[in-house]
């Protein structure tokens, strides 16, 4: 049937009555304040799991099971997310360390390339300097040889002219000698021709002076 409920002599509904009992820790649904017939025997036959469920029902924690399991699920998800984030952070740190090592290695490689380029540049400059020096020395030596050749050529040309003049003079001297020899022969012949007449004339003059 229908029951009447009152609190402090004030008539209330069953819901209000149940809520007031709940405020003092008496929960009708969990039957935590009354022991009904057969409850002791029923409790004695329950398994440990069923006893836990009964205690949860009596303490009203069963009503919080769903929120608890939801909170536990969120907690586990949060822990899993935290572990995932930690692993990601650890992985990021490892990758960052690896990238840092790679960057340092790349920097060392580029520094070595720069040093190699500078060394090659210095080597090329040194080679160009010595090639320039060698070229200047060879040009100077070539200029000196050219001047010496020009001097010897001039001397050779002068000697050639002197030789030509000497040949001309020798030829003229030979001609003069030949002409003089020819003149001497002519004079000797004429002297031989005149000698008898000279002797005759000399004898005639001698004879006239003796008379």
N, C-alpha and C. Protein backbone atom coordinates (compact mmCIF):
# COMPACT_ATOMS: atom_id res chain seq x y z
N UNK A 1 0.80 -1.19 0.00
CA UNK A 1 0.00 0.00 0.00
C UNK A 1 0.84 1.24 0.00
N UNK A 2 0.15 2.35 0.20
CA UNK A 2 0.80 3.66 0.20
C UNK A 2 1.15 4.02 1.63
N UNK A 3 2.42 4.46 1.86
CA UNK A 3 2.86 4.83 3.19
C UNK A 3 2.87 6.31 3.38
N UNK A 4 2.83 6.75 4.63
CA UNK A 4 2.94 8.18 4.96
C UNK A 4 4.31 8.42 5.56
N UNK A 5 4.93 9.50 5.15
CA UNK A 5 6.29 9.81 5.61
C UNK A 5 6.30 11.23 6.16
N UNK A 6 6.99 11.38 7.29
CA UNK A 6 7.07 12.71 7.92
C UNK A 6 8.45 12.90 8.52
N UNK A 7 8.87 14.13 8.50
CA UNK A 7 10.15 14.51 9.11
C UNK A 7 9.86 15.64 10.07
N UNK A 8 10.21 15.40 11.36
CA UNK A 8 9.90 16.39 12.41
C UNK A 8 8.42 16.79 12.35
N UNK A 9 7.58 15.73 12.26
CA UNK A 9 6.13 15.89 12.26
C UNK A 9 5.63 16.68 11.06
N UNK A 10 6.48 16.72 10.04
CA UNK A 10 6.06 17.40 8.81
C UNK A 10 5.94 16.35 7.72
N UNK A 11 4.80 16.29 7.07
CA UNK A 11 4.56 15.30 6.04
C UNK A 11 5.41 15.62 4.81
N UNK A 12 6.08 14.57 4.34
CA UNK A 12 6.96 14.75 3.15
C UNK A 12 6.71 13.60 2.19
N UNK A 13 7.21 13.74 1.02
CA UNK A 13 7.09 12.65 0.04
C UNK A 13 8.15 11.60 0.32
N UNK A 14 7.99 10.46 -0.31
CA UNK A 14 8.96 9.38 -0.12
C UNK A 14 10.36 9.79 -0.61
N UNK A 15 10.39 10.53 -1.70
CA UNK A 15 11.69 10.96 -2.25
C UNK A 15 12.40 11.88 -1.27
N UNK A 16 11.63 12.83 -0.68
CA UNK A 16 12.23 13.73 0.30
C UNK A 16 12.70 12.95 1.53
N UNK A 17 11.89 11.97 1.93
CA UNK A 17 12.24 11.14 3.08
C UNK A 17 13.51 10.35 2.79
N UNK A 18 13.61 9.81 1.59
CA UNK A 18 14.78 9.02 1.20
C UNK A 18 16.03 9.91 1.16
N UNK A 19 15.88 11.13 0.65
CA UNK A 19 17.02 12.05 0.58
C UNK A 19 17.49 12.43 1.97
N UNK A 20 16.51 12.62 2.92
CA UNK A 20 16.90 12.99 4.29
C UNK A 20 17.64 11.84 4.95
N UNK A 21 17.18 10.59 4.73
CA UNK A 21 17.87 9.43 5.27
C UNK A 21 19.29 9.32 4.67
N UNK A 22 19.39 9.66 3.40
CA UNK A 22 20.71 9.63 2.77
C UNK A 22 21.67 10.61 3.39
N UNK A 23 21.15 11.74 3.86
CA UNK A 23 22.00 12.76 4.49
C UNK A 23 22.64 12.24 5.78
N UNK A 24 21.98 11.29 6.45
CA UNK A 24 22.53 10.74 7.70
C UNK A 24 23.18 9.37 7.46
N UNK A 25 23.39 9.01 6.16
CA UNK A 25 24.09 7.78 5.84
C UNK A 25 23.25 6.55 5.75
N UNK A 26 21.94 6.71 5.70
CA UNK A 26 21.05 5.56 5.56
C UNK A 26 20.55 5.54 4.12
N UNK A 27 20.90 4.47 3.40
CA UNK A 27 20.53 4.38 1.99
C UNK A 27 19.60 3.20 1.81
N UNK A 28 18.38 3.51 1.42
CA UNK A 28 17.37 2.47 1.28
C UNK A 28 17.72 1.46 0.19
N UNK A 29 18.23 1.94 -0.90
CA UNK A 29 18.53 1.06 -2.03
C UNK A 29 19.63 0.07 -1.69
N UNK A 30 20.58 0.49 -0.90
CA UNK A 30 21.69 -0.40 -0.56
C UNK A 30 21.40 -1.26 0.64
N UNK A 31 20.29 -1.00 1.32
CA UNK A 31 19.86 -1.81 2.46
C UNK A 31 20.99 -1.93 3.47
N UNK A 32 21.53 -0.78 3.85
CA UNK A 32 22.66 -0.79 4.77
C UNK A 32 22.28 -0.52 6.22
N UNK A 33 21.01 -0.60 6.50
CA UNK A 33 20.61 -0.37 7.89
C UNK A 33 19.64 -1.42 8.41
N UNK A 34 19.20 -2.30 7.52
CA UNK A 34 18.28 -3.36 7.92
C UNK A 34 18.83 -4.72 7.51
N UNK A 35 18.60 -5.70 8.30
CA UNK A 35 19.00 -7.07 7.97
C UNK A 35 17.73 -7.88 7.80
N UNK A 36 17.47 -8.25 6.59
CA UNK A 36 16.25 -8.97 6.27
C UNK A 36 16.46 -10.46 6.48
N UNK A 37 15.38 -11.19 6.50
CA UNK A 37 15.42 -12.63 6.70
C UNK A 37 16.17 -13.30 5.54
N UNK A 38 17.09 -14.14 5.88
CA UNK A 38 17.87 -14.86 4.86
C UNK A 38 19.10 -14.12 4.40
N UNK A 39 19.30 -12.85 4.85
CA UNK A 39 20.47 -12.08 4.40
C UNK A 39 21.77 -12.70 4.89
N UNK A 40 21.78 -13.17 6.17
CA UNK A 40 23.02 -13.72 6.73
C UNK A 40 23.43 -14.96 5.96
N UNK A 41 22.43 -15.86 5.72
CA UNK A 41 22.73 -17.08 4.99
C UNK A 41 23.16 -16.76 3.56
N UNK A 42 22.50 -15.76 2.96
CA UNK A 42 22.86 -15.38 1.58
C UNK A 42 24.27 -14.81 1.52
N UNK A 43 24.61 -14.00 2.54
CA UNK A 43 25.96 -13.40 2.56
C UNK A 43 27.01 -14.47 2.74
N UNK A 44 26.69 -15.50 3.56
CA UNK A 44 27.66 -16.57 3.82
C UNK A 44 27.97 -17.36 2.57
N UNK A 45 27.00 -17.42 1.64
CA UNK A 45 27.22 -18.20 0.42
C UNK A 45 27.90 -17.39 -0.70
N UNK A 46 28.10 -16.09 -0.51
CA UNK A 46 28.66 -15.25 -1.58
C UNK A 46 30.16 -15.48 -1.76
N UNK A 47 30.59 -15.35 -2.96
CA UNK A 47 32.03 -15.44 -3.28
C UNK A 47 32.70 -14.12 -2.89
N UNK A 48 34.02 -14.12 -2.80
CA UNK A 48 34.73 -12.86 -2.48
C UNK A 48 34.34 -11.72 -3.42
N UNK A 49 34.21 -12.02 -4.67
CA UNK A 49 33.83 -10.98 -5.63
C UNK A 49 32.44 -10.45 -5.33
N UNK A 50 31.51 -11.39 -5.01
CA UNK A 50 30.15 -10.97 -4.69
C UNK A 50 30.10 -10.18 -3.39
N UNK A 51 30.96 -10.54 -2.42
CA UNK A 51 31.04 -9.79 -1.17
C UNK A 51 31.50 -8.36 -1.42
N UNK A 52 32.49 -8.24 -2.30
CA UNK A 52 32.97 -6.90 -2.64
C UNK A 52 31.85 -6.09 -3.27
N UNK A 53 31.09 -6.74 -4.18
CA UNK A 53 29.98 -6.04 -4.82
C UNK A 53 28.92 -5.65 -3.79
N UNK A 54 28.67 -6.54 -2.77
CA UNK A 54 27.70 -6.23 -1.73
C UNK A 54 28.17 -5.05 -0.88
N UNK A 55 29.46 -5.05 -0.53
CA UNK A 55 30.00 -3.93 0.25
C UNK A 55 29.91 -2.64 -0.54
N UNK A 56 30.18 -2.72 -1.82
CA UNK A 56 30.06 -1.52 -2.66
C UNK A 56 28.61 -1.05 -2.69
N UNK A 57 27.66 -2.01 -2.70
CA UNK A 57 26.24 -1.64 -2.72
C UNK A 57 25.84 -1.00 -1.39
N UNK A 58 26.32 -1.58 -0.27
CA UNK A 58 25.99 -1.04 1.04
C UNK A 58 26.58 0.33 1.24
N UNK A 59 27.81 0.49 0.79
CA UNK A 59 28.48 1.80 0.97
C UNK A 59 28.09 2.80 -0.11
N UNK A 60 27.23 2.39 -0.99
CA UNK A 60 26.78 3.20 -2.14
C UNK A 60 27.90 3.53 -3.13
N UNK A 61 29.05 2.88 -2.94
CA UNK A 61 30.13 3.13 -3.91
C UNK A 61 29.81 2.52 -5.27
N UNK A 62 28.85 1.56 -5.28
CA UNK A 62 28.45 0.96 -6.55
C UNK A 62 27.85 2.00 -7.47
N UNK A 63 27.15 2.99 -6.85
CA UNK A 63 26.57 4.04 -7.68
C UNK A 63 27.65 4.90 -8.33
N UNK A 64 28.83 4.88 -7.68
CA UNK A 64 29.94 5.68 -8.23
C UNK A 64 30.85 4.86 -9.13
N UNK A 65 30.43 3.57 -9.35
CA UNK A 65 31.31 2.72 -10.15
C UNK A 65 31.50 3.27 -11.55
N UNK A 66 30.38 3.64 -12.18
CA UNK A 66 30.49 4.14 -13.55
C UNK A 66 31.34 5.41 -13.63
N UNK A 67 31.05 6.44 -12.75
CA UNK A 67 31.94 7.60 -12.78
C UNK A 67 33.37 7.25 -12.43
N UNK A 68 33.50 6.28 -11.43
CA UNK A 68 34.86 5.87 -11.04
C UNK A 68 35.58 5.21 -12.20
N UNK A 69 34.88 4.26 -12.85
CA UNK A 69 35.50 3.59 -13.98
C UNK A 69 35.81 4.56 -15.11
N UNK A 70 34.89 5.53 -15.29
CA UNK A 70 35.15 6.55 -16.32
C UNK A 70 36.37 7.39 -15.94
N UNK A 71 36.42 7.78 -14.63
CA UNK A 71 37.58 8.55 -14.16
C UNK A 71 38.84 7.72 -14.25
N UNK A 72 38.71 6.40 -13.86
CA UNK A 72 39.87 5.51 -13.95
C UNK A 72 40.33 5.37 -15.40
N UNK A 73 39.34 5.29 -16.31
CA UNK A 73 39.67 5.18 -17.73
C UNK A 73 40.41 6.44 -18.21
N UNK A 74 39.84 7.60 -17.77
CA UNK A 74 40.49 8.86 -18.16
C UNK A 74 41.89 8.94 -17.56
N UNK A 75 41.99 8.46 -16.26
CA UNK A 75 43.31 8.46 -15.61
C UNK A 75 44.29 7.58 -16.37
N UNK A 76 43.85 6.36 -16.73
CA UNK A 76 44.72 5.46 -17.49
C UNK A 76 45.07 6.05 -18.85
N UNK A 77 44.04 6.67 -19.49
CA UNK A 77 44.33 7.31 -20.77
C UNK A 77 45.31 8.46 -20.60
N UNK A 78 45.11 9.23 -19.50
CA UNK A 78 46.03 10.34 -19.24
C UNK A 78 47.43 9.82 -18.97
N UNK A 79 47.51 8.70 -18.17
CA UNK A 79 48.82 8.11 -17.90
C UNK A 79 49.45 7.60 -19.19
N UNK A 80 48.60 6.95 -20.02
CA UNK A 80 49.12 6.46 -21.30
C UNK A 80 49.59 7.63 -22.17
N UNK A 81 48.79 8.72 -22.15
CA UNK A 81 49.18 9.91 -22.91
C UNK A 81 50.46 10.52 -22.36
N UNK A 82 50.54 10.50 -20.99
CA UNK A 82 51.75 11.03 -20.36
C UNK A 82 52.96 10.20 -20.74
N UNK A 83 52.78 8.86 -20.69
CA UNK A 83 53.88 7.97 -21.07
C UNK A 83 54.23 8.17 -22.54
N UNK A 84 53.17 8.32 -23.37
CA UNK A 84 53.41 8.54 -24.80
C UNK A 84 54.15 9.85 -25.02
N UNK A 85 53.69 10.90 -24.28
CA UNK A 85 54.37 12.21 -24.40
C UNK A 85 55.80 12.11 -23.91
N UNK A 86 55.99 11.37 -22.81
CA UNK A 86 57.35 11.20 -22.28
C UNK A 86 58.23 10.48 -23.30
N UNK A 87 57.65 9.40 -23.87
CA UNK A 87 58.42 8.67 -24.88
C UNK A 87 58.70 9.54 -26.10
N UNK A 88 57.66 10.33 -26.49
CA UNK A 88 57.87 11.24 -27.62
C UNK A 88 58.93 12.28 -27.29
N UNK A 89 58.83 12.82 -26.04
CA UNK A 89 59.82 13.82 -25.62
C UNK A 89 61.21 13.19 -25.59
N UNK A 90 61.26 11.94 -25.06
CA UNK A 90 62.53 11.23 -25.04
C UNK A 90 63.05 11.01 -26.45
N UNK A 91 62.09 10.62 -27.34
CA UNK A 91 62.47 10.42 -28.73
C UNK A 91 62.91 11.72 -29.38
N UNK A 92 62.15 12.82 -29.04
CA UNK A 92 62.51 14.13 -29.58
C UNK A 92 63.89 14.54 -29.09
N UNK A 93 64.15 14.28 -27.78
CA UNK A 93 65.47 14.62 -27.24
C UNK A 93 66.56 13.83 -27.95
N UNK A 94 66.25 12.52 -28.16
CA UNK A 94 67.23 11.69 -28.86
C UNK A 94 67.43 12.18 -30.29
N UNK A 95 66.30 12.50 -30.97
CA UNK A 95 66.41 13.02 -32.33
C UNK A 95 67.12 14.37 -32.35
N UNK A 96 66.79 15.22 -31.34
CA UNK A 96 67.44 16.53 -31.28
C UNK A 96 68.94 16.37 -31.04
N UNK A 97 69.29 15.40 -30.15
CA UNK A 97 70.70 15.14 -29.91
C UNK A 97 71.37 14.62 -31.17
N UNK A 98 70.64 13.72 -31.89
CA UNK A 98 71.18 13.19 -33.13
C UNK A 98 71.33 14.29 -34.17
N UNK A 99 70.28 15.16 -34.26
CA UNK A 99 70.36 16.28 -35.21
C UNK A 99 71.48 17.24 -34.84
N UNK A 100 71.66 17.44 -33.52
CA UNK A 100 72.75 18.31 -33.05
C UNK A 100 74.09 17.71 -33.45
N UNK A 101 74.22 16.37 -33.23
CA UNK A 101 75.46 15.70 -33.62
C UNK A 101 75.67 15.80 -35.13
N UNK A 102 74.56 15.60 -35.88
CA UNK A 102 74.67 15.69 -37.34
C UNK A 102 75.06 17.10 -37.77
N UNK A 103 74.45 18.12 -37.09
CA UNK A 103 74.78 19.51 -37.41
C UNK A 103 76.25 19.79 -37.11
N UNK A 104 76.70 19.31 -35.93
CA UNK A 104 78.11 19.52 -35.58
C UNK A 104 79.02 18.82 -36.59
N UNK A 105 78.62 17.60 -36.98
CA UNK A 105 79.41 16.88 -37.97
C UNK A 105 79.41 17.63 -39.31
N UNK A 106 78.22 18.14 -39.69
CA UNK A 106 78.13 18.91 -40.93
C UNK A 106 78.97 20.19 -40.83
N UNK A 107 78.94 20.84 -39.65
CA UNK A 107 79.75 22.05 -39.46
C UNK A 107 81.24 21.71 -39.58
N UNK A 108 81.63 20.59 -38.95
CA UNK A 108 83.04 20.19 -39.06
C UNK A 108 83.40 19.89 -40.52
N UNK A 109 82.47 19.24 -41.22
CA UNK A 109 82.72 18.92 -42.63
C UNK A 109 82.87 20.19 -43.46
N UNK A 110 81.95 21.16 -43.21
CA UNK A 110 82.02 22.42 -43.96
C UNK A 110 83.29 23.20 -43.59
N UNK A 111 83.69 23.13 -42.31
CA UNK A 111 84.93 23.79 -41.91
C UNK A 111 86.12 23.16 -42.63
N UNK A 112 86.09 21.82 -42.72
CA UNK A 112 87.17 21.15 -43.44
C UNK A 112 87.17 21.53 -44.92
N UNK A 113 85.95 21.63 -45.48
CA UNK A 113 85.86 22.07 -46.88
C UNK A 113 86.41 23.47 -47.05
N UNK A 114 86.09 24.38 -46.09
CA UNK A 114 86.60 25.75 -46.15
C UNK A 114 88.12 25.75 -46.03
N UNK A 115 88.65 24.93 -45.10
CA UNK A 115 90.10 24.86 -44.94
C UNK A 115 90.76 24.30 -46.20
N UNK A 116 90.09 23.28 -46.79
CA UNK A 116 90.63 22.72 -48.03
C UNK A 116 90.63 23.77 -49.14
N UNK A 117 89.51 24.52 -49.25
CA UNK A 117 89.41 25.56 -50.28
C UNK A 117 90.47 26.63 -50.07
N UNK A 118 90.66 27.05 -48.78
CA UNK A 118 91.68 28.06 -48.48
C UNK A 118 93.07 27.54 -48.80
N UNK A 119 93.32 26.26 -48.44
CA UNK A 119 94.63 25.67 -48.72
C UNK A 119 94.88 25.59 -50.22
N UNK A 120 93.85 25.15 -50.97
CA UNK A 120 93.99 25.09 -52.42
C UNK A 120 94.19 26.48 -53.00
N UNK A 121 93.44 27.46 -52.47
CA UNK A 121 93.57 28.84 -52.95
C UNK A 121 94.98 29.35 -52.69
N UNK A 122 95.48 29.10 -51.46
CA UNK A 122 96.85 29.53 -51.14
C UNK A 122 97.87 28.82 -52.02
N UNK A 123 97.63 27.52 -52.28
CA UNK A 123 98.54 26.77 -53.15
C UNK A 123 98.54 27.35 -54.56
N UNK A 124 97.33 27.63 -55.09
CA UNK A 124 97.24 28.20 -56.44
C UNK A 124 97.90 29.58 -56.50
N UNK A 125 97.68 30.38 -55.44
CA UNK A 125 98.32 31.70 -55.40
C UNK A 125 99.83 31.56 -55.38
N UNK A 126 100.33 30.58 -54.58
CA UNK A 126 101.77 30.36 -54.50
C UNK A 126 102.31 29.92 -55.85
N UNK A 127 101.58 28.99 -56.51
CA UNK A 127 102.00 28.52 -57.84
C UNK A 127 101.98 29.66 -58.85
N UNK A 128 100.89 30.47 -58.81
CA UNK A 128 100.80 31.60 -59.74
C UNK A 128 101.93 32.60 -59.51
N UNK A 129 102.25 32.85 -58.23
CA UNK A 129 103.34 33.78 -57.92
C UNK A 129 104.66 33.29 -58.48
N UNK A 130 104.95 31.98 -58.24
CA UNK A 130 106.23 31.45 -58.72
C UNK A 130 106.23 31.32 -60.24
N UNK A 131 105.08 30.99 -60.83
CA UNK A 131 105.01 30.97 -62.29
C UNK A 131 105.26 32.37 -62.85
N UNK A 132 104.66 33.39 -62.18
CA UNK A 132 104.89 34.78 -62.61
C UNK A 132 106.36 35.16 -62.47
N UNK A 133 106.95 34.76 -61.31
CA UNK A 133 108.36 35.06 -61.08
C UNK A 133 109.22 34.37 -62.13
N UNK A 134 108.92 33.09 -62.40
CA UNK A 134 109.69 32.34 -63.38
C UNK A 134 109.52 32.94 -64.77
N UNK A 135 108.28 33.37 -65.08
CA UNK A 135 108.04 34.01 -66.38
C UNK A 135 108.83 35.31 -66.52
N UNK A 136 108.82 36.11 -65.45
CA UNK A 136 109.58 37.37 -65.50
C UNK A 136 111.07 37.09 -65.66
N UNK A 137 111.56 36.08 -64.91
CA UNK A 137 112.99 35.75 -65.03
C UNK A 137 113.32 35.29 -66.44
N UNK A 138 112.43 34.45 -67.00
CA UNK A 138 112.69 33.96 -68.37
C UNK A 138 112.58 35.11 -69.38
N UNK A 139 111.59 36.01 -69.17
CA UNK A 139 111.48 37.16 -70.07
C UNK A 139 112.72 38.05 -69.97
N UNK A 140 113.21 38.24 -68.73
CA UNK A 140 114.43 39.05 -68.54
C UNK A 140 115.61 38.38 -69.23
N UNK A 141 115.73 37.04 -69.02
CA UNK A 141 116.84 36.31 -69.65
C UNK A 141 116.70 36.36 -71.17
N UNK A 142 115.47 36.23 -71.67
CA UNK A 142 115.25 36.30 -73.13
C UNK A 142 115.60 37.68 -73.66
N UNK A 143 115.23 38.72 -72.88
CA UNK A 143 115.57 40.08 -73.30
C UNK A 143 117.08 40.28 -73.34
N UNK A 144 117.76 39.75 -72.31
CA UNK A 144 119.22 39.88 -72.29
C UNK A 144 119.84 39.13 -73.45
N UNK A 145 119.32 37.91 -73.72
CA UNK A 145 119.85 37.15 -74.86
C UNK A 145 119.56 37.86 -76.17
N UNK A 146 118.37 38.50 -76.25
CA UNK A 146 118.03 39.24 -77.47
C UNK A 146 119.00 40.41 -77.66
N UNK A 147 119.26 41.12 -76.55
CA UNK A 147 120.20 42.24 -76.64
C UNK A 147 121.59 41.75 -77.00
N UNK A 148 121.99 40.61 -76.37
CA UNK A 148 123.32 40.06 -76.68
C UNK A 148 123.39 39.62 -78.13
N UNK A 149 122.29 38.99 -78.60
CA UNK A 149 122.25 38.56 -80.00
C UNK A 149 122.32 39.76 -80.93
N UNK A 150 121.57 40.82 -80.55
CA UNK A 150 121.60 42.03 -81.38
C UNK A 150 123.02 42.62 -81.40
N UNK A 151 123.70 42.60 -80.24
CA UNK A 151 125.07 43.13 -80.18
C UNK A 151 126.00 42.30 -81.05
N UNK A 152 125.88 40.96 -80.92
CA UNK A 152 126.74 40.09 -81.74
C UNK A 152 126.41 40.23 -83.21
N UNK A 153 125.12 40.40 -83.50
CA UNK A 153 124.73 40.59 -84.91
C UNK A 153 125.33 41.88 -85.46
N UNK A 154 125.25 42.95 -84.63
CA UNK A 154 125.83 44.22 -85.06
C UNK A 154 127.34 44.08 -85.27
N UNK A 155 128.00 43.37 -84.31
CA UNK A 155 129.44 43.18 -84.45
C UNK A 155 129.77 42.33 -85.67
N UNK A 156 128.91 41.31 -85.90
CA UNK A 156 129.13 40.45 -87.06
C UNK A 156 128.96 41.24 -88.35
N UNK A 157 127.91 42.09 -88.35
CA UNK A 157 127.71 42.92 -89.54
C UNK A 157 128.88 43.89 -89.74
N UNK A 158 129.35 44.47 -88.62
CA UNK A 158 130.50 45.38 -88.73
C UNK A 158 131.75 44.64 -89.19
N UNK A 159 131.94 43.44 -88.64
CA UNK A 159 133.09 42.65 -89.06
C UNK A 159 132.97 42.27 -90.54
N UNK A 160 131.72 42.00 -90.96
CA UNK A 160 131.50 41.68 -92.36
C UNK A 160 131.84 42.86 -93.25
N UNK A 161 131.41 44.06 -92.78
CA UNK A 161 131.75 45.26 -93.56
C UNK A 161 133.27 45.48 -93.58
N UNK A 162 133.90 45.27 -92.40
CA UNK A 162 135.37 45.43 -92.34
C UNK A 162 136.06 44.42 -93.25
N UNK A 163 135.54 43.18 -93.23
CA UNK A 163 136.12 42.16 -94.09
C UNK A 163 135.95 42.51 -95.55
N UNK A 164 134.75 43.03 -95.86
CA UNK A 164 134.50 43.44 -97.25
C UNK A 164 135.44 44.57 -97.66
N UNK A 165 135.59 45.55 -96.73
CA UNK A 165 136.52 46.66 -97.02
C UNK A 165 137.94 46.13 -97.14
N UNK A 166 138.30 45.19 -96.25
CA UNK A 166 139.66 44.64 -96.30
C UNK A 166 139.89 43.89 -97.61
N UNK A 167 138.85 43.17 -98.05
CA UNK A 167 138.96 42.46 -99.32
C UNK A 167 139.15 43.44 -100.47
N UNK A 168 138.35 44.54 -100.39
CA UNK A 168 138.49 45.57 -101.43
C UNK A 168 139.89 46.15 -101.42
N UNK A 169 140.38 46.47 -100.19
CA UNK A 169 141.73 47.05 -100.07
C UNK A 169 142.79 46.06 -100.53
N UNK A 170 142.61 44.80 -100.17
CA UNK A 170 143.57 43.77 -100.59
C UNK A 170 143.57 43.63 -102.10
N UNK A 171 142.33 43.67 -102.65
CA UNK A 171 142.23 43.57 -104.11
C UNK A 171 142.90 44.76 -104.78
N UNK A 172 142.66 45.96 -104.19
CA UNK A 172 143.29 47.15 -104.74
C UNK A 172 144.80 47.08 -104.58
N UNK A 173 145.26 46.57 -103.42
CA UNK A 173 146.70 46.45 -103.19
C UNK A 173 147.31 45.46 -104.17
N UNK A 174 146.59 44.36 -104.41
CA UNK A 174 147.10 43.38 -105.39
C UNK A 174 147.19 44.00 -106.78
N UNK A 175 146.15 44.79 -107.10
CA UNK A 175 146.19 45.45 -108.41
C UNK A 175 147.34 46.44 -108.48
N UNK A 176 147.51 47.20 -107.41
CA UNK A 176 148.61 48.16 -107.38
C UNK A 176 149.97 47.45 -107.46
N UNK A 177 150.06 46.33 -106.73
CA UNK A 177 151.32 45.57 -106.76
C UNK A 177 151.59 45.03 -108.15
N UNK A 178 150.54 44.51 -108.75
CA UNK A 178 150.71 43.97 -110.11
C UNK A 178 151.09 45.08 -111.08
N UNK A 179 150.45 46.27 -110.91
CA UNK A 179 150.76 47.39 -111.80
C UNK A 179 152.18 47.87 -111.57
N UNK A 180 152.60 47.90 -110.30
CA UNK A 180 153.97 48.34 -110.00
C UNK A 180 154.98 47.34 -110.55
N UNK A 181 154.64 46.06 -110.40
CA UNK A 181 155.56 45.02 -110.92
C UNK A 181 155.65 45.14 -112.44
N UNK A 182 154.49 45.39 -113.05
CA UNK A 182 154.50 45.55 -114.51
C UNK A 182 155.33 46.76 -114.90
N UNK A 183 155.20 47.86 -114.15
CA UNK A 183 155.97 49.10 -114.43
C UNK A 183 157.45 48.84 -114.26
N UNK A 184 157.79 48.05 -113.17
CA UNK A 184 159.22 47.74 -112.91
C UNK A 184 159.81 46.95 -114.05
N UNK A 185 159.00 45.97 -114.53
CA UNK A 185 159.49 45.14 -115.63
C UNK A 185 159.73 46.00 -116.87
N UNK A 186 158.78 46.91 -117.09
CA UNK A 186 158.92 47.79 -118.26
C UNK A 186 160.17 48.67 -118.12
N UNK A 187 160.34 49.22 -116.92
CA UNK A 187 161.51 50.09 -116.70
C UNK A 187 162.81 49.29 -116.83
N UNK A 188 162.79 48.06 -116.32
CA UNK A 188 163.99 47.22 -116.42
C UNK A 188 164.31 46.93 -117.88
N UNK A 189 163.25 46.69 -118.67
CA UNK A 189 163.46 46.40 -120.09
C UNK A 189 164.00 47.63 -120.79
N UNK A 190 163.42 48.78 -120.46
CA UNK A 190 163.89 50.01 -121.09
C UNK A 190 165.34 50.29 -120.67
N UNK A 191 165.62 49.97 -119.36
CA UNK A 191 167.02 50.18 -118.90
C UNK A 191 167.98 49.30 -119.68
N UNK A 192 167.59 48.08 -119.90
CA UNK A 192 168.45 47.18 -120.66
C UNK A 192 168.64 47.67 -122.08
N UNK A 193 167.56 48.26 -122.64
CA UNK A 193 167.67 48.78 -124.00
C UNK A 193 168.60 49.99 -124.03
N UNK A 194 168.53 50.84 -123.00
CA UNK A 194 169.34 52.06 -122.99
C UNK A 194 170.79 51.81 -122.53
N UNK A 195 171.04 50.70 -121.92
CA UNK A 195 172.38 50.47 -121.35
C UNK A 195 173.49 50.53 -122.41
N UNK A 196 173.38 49.90 -123.61
CA UNK A 196 174.47 49.97 -124.60
C UNK A 196 174.74 51.42 -125.06
N UNK A 197 173.64 52.17 -125.27
CA UNK A 197 173.84 53.55 -125.73
C UNK A 197 174.45 54.40 -124.64
N UNK A 198 174.04 54.09 -123.38
CA UNK A 198 174.63 54.83 -122.26
C UNK A 198 176.12 54.53 -122.18
N UNK A 199 176.49 53.27 -122.39
CA UNK A 199 177.90 52.87 -122.31
C UNK A 199 178.67 53.57 -123.43
N UNK A 200 178.02 53.59 -124.64
CA UNK A 200 178.69 54.20 -125.78
C UNK A 200 178.89 55.68 -125.55
N UNK A 201 177.86 56.33 -125.02
CA UNK A 201 177.94 57.76 -124.78
C UNK A 201 178.97 58.05 -123.72
N UNK A 202 179.01 57.25 -122.73
CA UNK A 202 179.98 57.43 -121.63
C UNK A 202 181.38 57.27 -122.15
N UNK A 203 181.58 56.36 -123.07
CA UNK A 203 182.92 56.13 -123.61
C UNK A 203 183.30 57.29 -124.50
N UNK A 204 182.30 57.83 -125.24
CA UNK A 204 182.61 58.96 -126.12
C UNK A 204 182.97 60.18 -125.28
N UNK A 205 182.28 60.40 -124.22
CA UNK A 205 182.60 61.54 -123.37
C UNK A 205 183.97 61.36 -122.75
N UNK A 206 184.25 60.14 -122.43
CA UNK A 206 185.59 59.84 -121.85
C UNK A 206 186.67 60.10 -122.85
N UNK A 207 186.43 59.74 -124.13
CA UNK A 207 187.43 59.94 -125.17
C UNK A 207 187.63 61.41 -125.43
N UNK A 208 186.59 62.18 -125.43
CA UNK A 208 186.72 63.60 -125.69
C UNK A 208 187.48 64.30 -124.56
N UNK A 209 187.30 63.84 -123.39
CA UNK A 209 187.98 64.49 -122.29
C UNK A 209 189.44 64.16 -122.23
N UNK A 210 189.86 63.09 -122.89
CA UNK A 210 191.23 62.67 -122.86
C UNK A 210 192.03 63.36 -123.98
N UNK A 211 191.42 63.98 -124.93
CA UNK A 211 192.10 64.64 -126.03
C UNK A 211 192.60 65.97 -125.63
